[in-house]
């Protein structure tokens, strides 16, 4: 699971200045994902550099109309 890297980014003052809660914890992220995965037509992705096995970022897409 990518939770530790997401929490690290969320706790970094430089990266999270537009995200809100600087005290975002692993437990909060797991609770968020539990709710998020229950929402149909929303997708969550982690971008990764496979040549260096490092994470680059995350992105979410909401309300996708597959019709």
C-alpha atoms as a PDB file:
ATOM      1  CA  UNK A   1       0.000   0.000   0.000  1.00  0.00           C
ATOM      2  CA  UNK A   2       1.166   3.550  -0.726  1.00  0.00           C
ATOM      3  CA  UNK A   3      -0.115   5.017   2.537  1.00  0.00           C
ATOM      4  CA  UNK A   4       3.295   5.809   4.118  1.00  0.00           C
ATOM      5  CA  UNK A   5       4.474   7.922   1.166  1.00  0.00           C
ATOM      6  CA  UNK A   6       1.138   9.763   0.932  1.00  0.00           C
ATOM      7  CA  UNK A   7       1.267  10.576   4.647  1.00  0.00           C
ATOM      8  CA  UNK A   8       4.894  11.740   4.287  1.00  0.00           C
ATOM      9  CA  UNK A   9       3.881  14.113   1.481  1.00  0.00           C
ATOM     10  CA  UNK A  10       0.848  15.357   3.438  1.00  0.00           C
ATOM     11  CA  UNK A  11       3.051  16.127   6.461  1.00  0.00           C
ATOM     12  CA  UNK A  12       5.645  18.068   4.429  1.00  0.00           C
ATOM     13  CA  UNK A  13       4.931  21.832   4.876  1.00  0.00           C
ATOM     14  CA  UNK A  14       6.268  22.661   1.407  1.00  0.00           C
ATOM     15  CA  UNK A  15       4.062  20.085  -0.313  1.00  0.00           C
ATOM     16  CA  UNK A  16       0.888  20.356   1.750  1.00  0.00           C
ATOM     17  CA  UNK A  17       0.361  24.113   1.910  1.00  0.00           C
ATOM     18  CA  UNK A  18      -2.745  23.775  -0.293  1.00  0.00           C
ATOM     19  CA  UNK A  19      -3.982  20.440   1.069  1.00  0.00           C
ATOM     20  CA  UNK A  20      -5.187  21.296   4.539  1.00  0.00           C
ATOM     21  CA  UNK A  21      -4.564  19.002   7.502  1.00  0.00           C
ATOM     22  CA  UNK A  22      -0.798  18.943   8.303  1.00  0.00           C
ATOM     23  CA  UNK A  23      -1.408  16.309  10.996  1.00  0.00           C
ATOM     24  CA  UNK A  24      -2.614  13.737   8.496  1.00  0.00           C
ATOM     25  CA  UNK A  25      -1.851  10.281   9.915  1.00  0.00           C
ATOM     26  CA  UNK A  26      -1.609   6.776   8.503  1.00  0.00           C
ATOM     27  CA  UNK A  27      -4.889   5.944  10.269  1.00  0.00           C
ATOM     28  CA  UNK A  28      -6.644   8.991   8.739  1.00  0.00           C
ATOM     29  CA  UNK A  29      -5.411   8.008   5.291  1.00  0.00           C
ATOM     30  CA  UNK A  30      -6.625   4.428   5.679  1.00  0.00           C
ATOM     31  CA  UNK A  31     -10.044   5.722   6.783  1.00  0.00           C
ATOM     32  CA  UNK A  32     -10.097   8.067   3.783  1.00  0.00           C
ATOM     33  CA  UNK A  33      -9.295   5.198   1.409  1.00  0.00           C
ATOM     34  CA  UNK A  34     -12.003   2.999   2.925  1.00  0.00           C
ATOM     35  CA  UNK A  35     -14.588   5.718   2.189  1.00  0.00           C
ATOM     36  CA  UNK A  36     -13.033   6.596  -1.173  1.00  0.00           C
ATOM     37  CA  UNK A  37     -13.149   3.043  -2.530  1.00  0.00           C
ATOM     38  CA  UNK A  38     -16.877   2.884  -1.791  1.00  0.00           C
ATOM     39  CA  UNK A  39     -17.530   5.748  -4.224  1.00  0.00           C
ATOM     40  CA  UNK A  40     -18.360   4.515  -7.716  1.00  0.00           C
ATOM     41  CA  UNK A  41     -16.704   6.213 -10.683  1.00  0.00           C
ATOM     42  CA  UNK A  42     -13.829   7.739  -8.675  1.00  0.00           C
ATOM     43  CA  UNK A  43     -10.270   6.569  -9.300  1.00  0.00           C
ATOM     44  CA  UNK A  44      -7.028   7.091  -7.393  1.00  0.00           C
ATOM     45  CA  UNK A  45      -3.569   6.600  -8.897  1.00  0.00           C
ATOM     46  CA  UNK A  46       0.046   6.719  -7.753  1.00  0.00           C
ATOM     47  CA  UNK A  47       2.655   7.797 -10.322  1.00  0.00           C
ATOM     48  CA  UNK A  48       5.879   5.861 -10.004  1.00  0.00           C
ATOM     49  CA  UNK A  49       9.244   5.953 -11.752  1.00  0.00           C
ATOM     50  CA  UNK A  50       9.778   2.270 -12.434  1.00  0.00           C
ATOM     51  CA  UNK A  51      13.410   2.753 -13.432  1.00  0.00           C
ATOM     52  CA  UNK A  52      14.267   4.102  -9.974  1.00  0.00           C
ATOM     53  CA  UNK A  53      11.359   2.542  -8.058  1.00  0.00           C
ATOM     54  CA  UNK A  54      10.467   5.940  -6.621  1.00  0.00           C
ATOM     55  CA  UNK A  55       7.083   7.597  -6.221  1.00  0.00           C
ATOM     56  CA  UNK A  56       6.409  10.812  -8.141  1.00  0.00           C
ATOM     57  CA  UNK A  57       2.949  11.821  -6.989  1.00  0.00           C
ATOM     58  CA  UNK A  58      -0.702  10.928  -6.785  1.00  0.00           C
ATOM     59  CA  UNK A  59      -3.813  11.936  -8.663  1.00  0.00           C
ATOM     60  CA  UNK A  60      -7.508  11.310  -8.264  1.00  0.00           C
ATOM     61  CA  UNK A  61     -10.203  11.457 -10.916  1.00  0.00           C
ATOM     62  CA  UNK A  62     -13.781  12.002  -9.773  1.00  0.00           C
ATOM     63  CA  UNK A  63     -17.225  11.331 -11.228  1.00  0.00           C
ATOM     64  CA  UNK A  64     -16.019   9.495 -14.351  1.00  0.00           C
ATOM     65  CA  UNK A  65     -18.897   8.851 -16.745  1.00  0.00           C
ATOM     66  CA  UNK A  66     -18.161   5.522 -18.407  1.00  0.00           C
ATOM     67  CA  UNK A  67     -21.307   5.537 -20.553  1.00  0.00           C
END
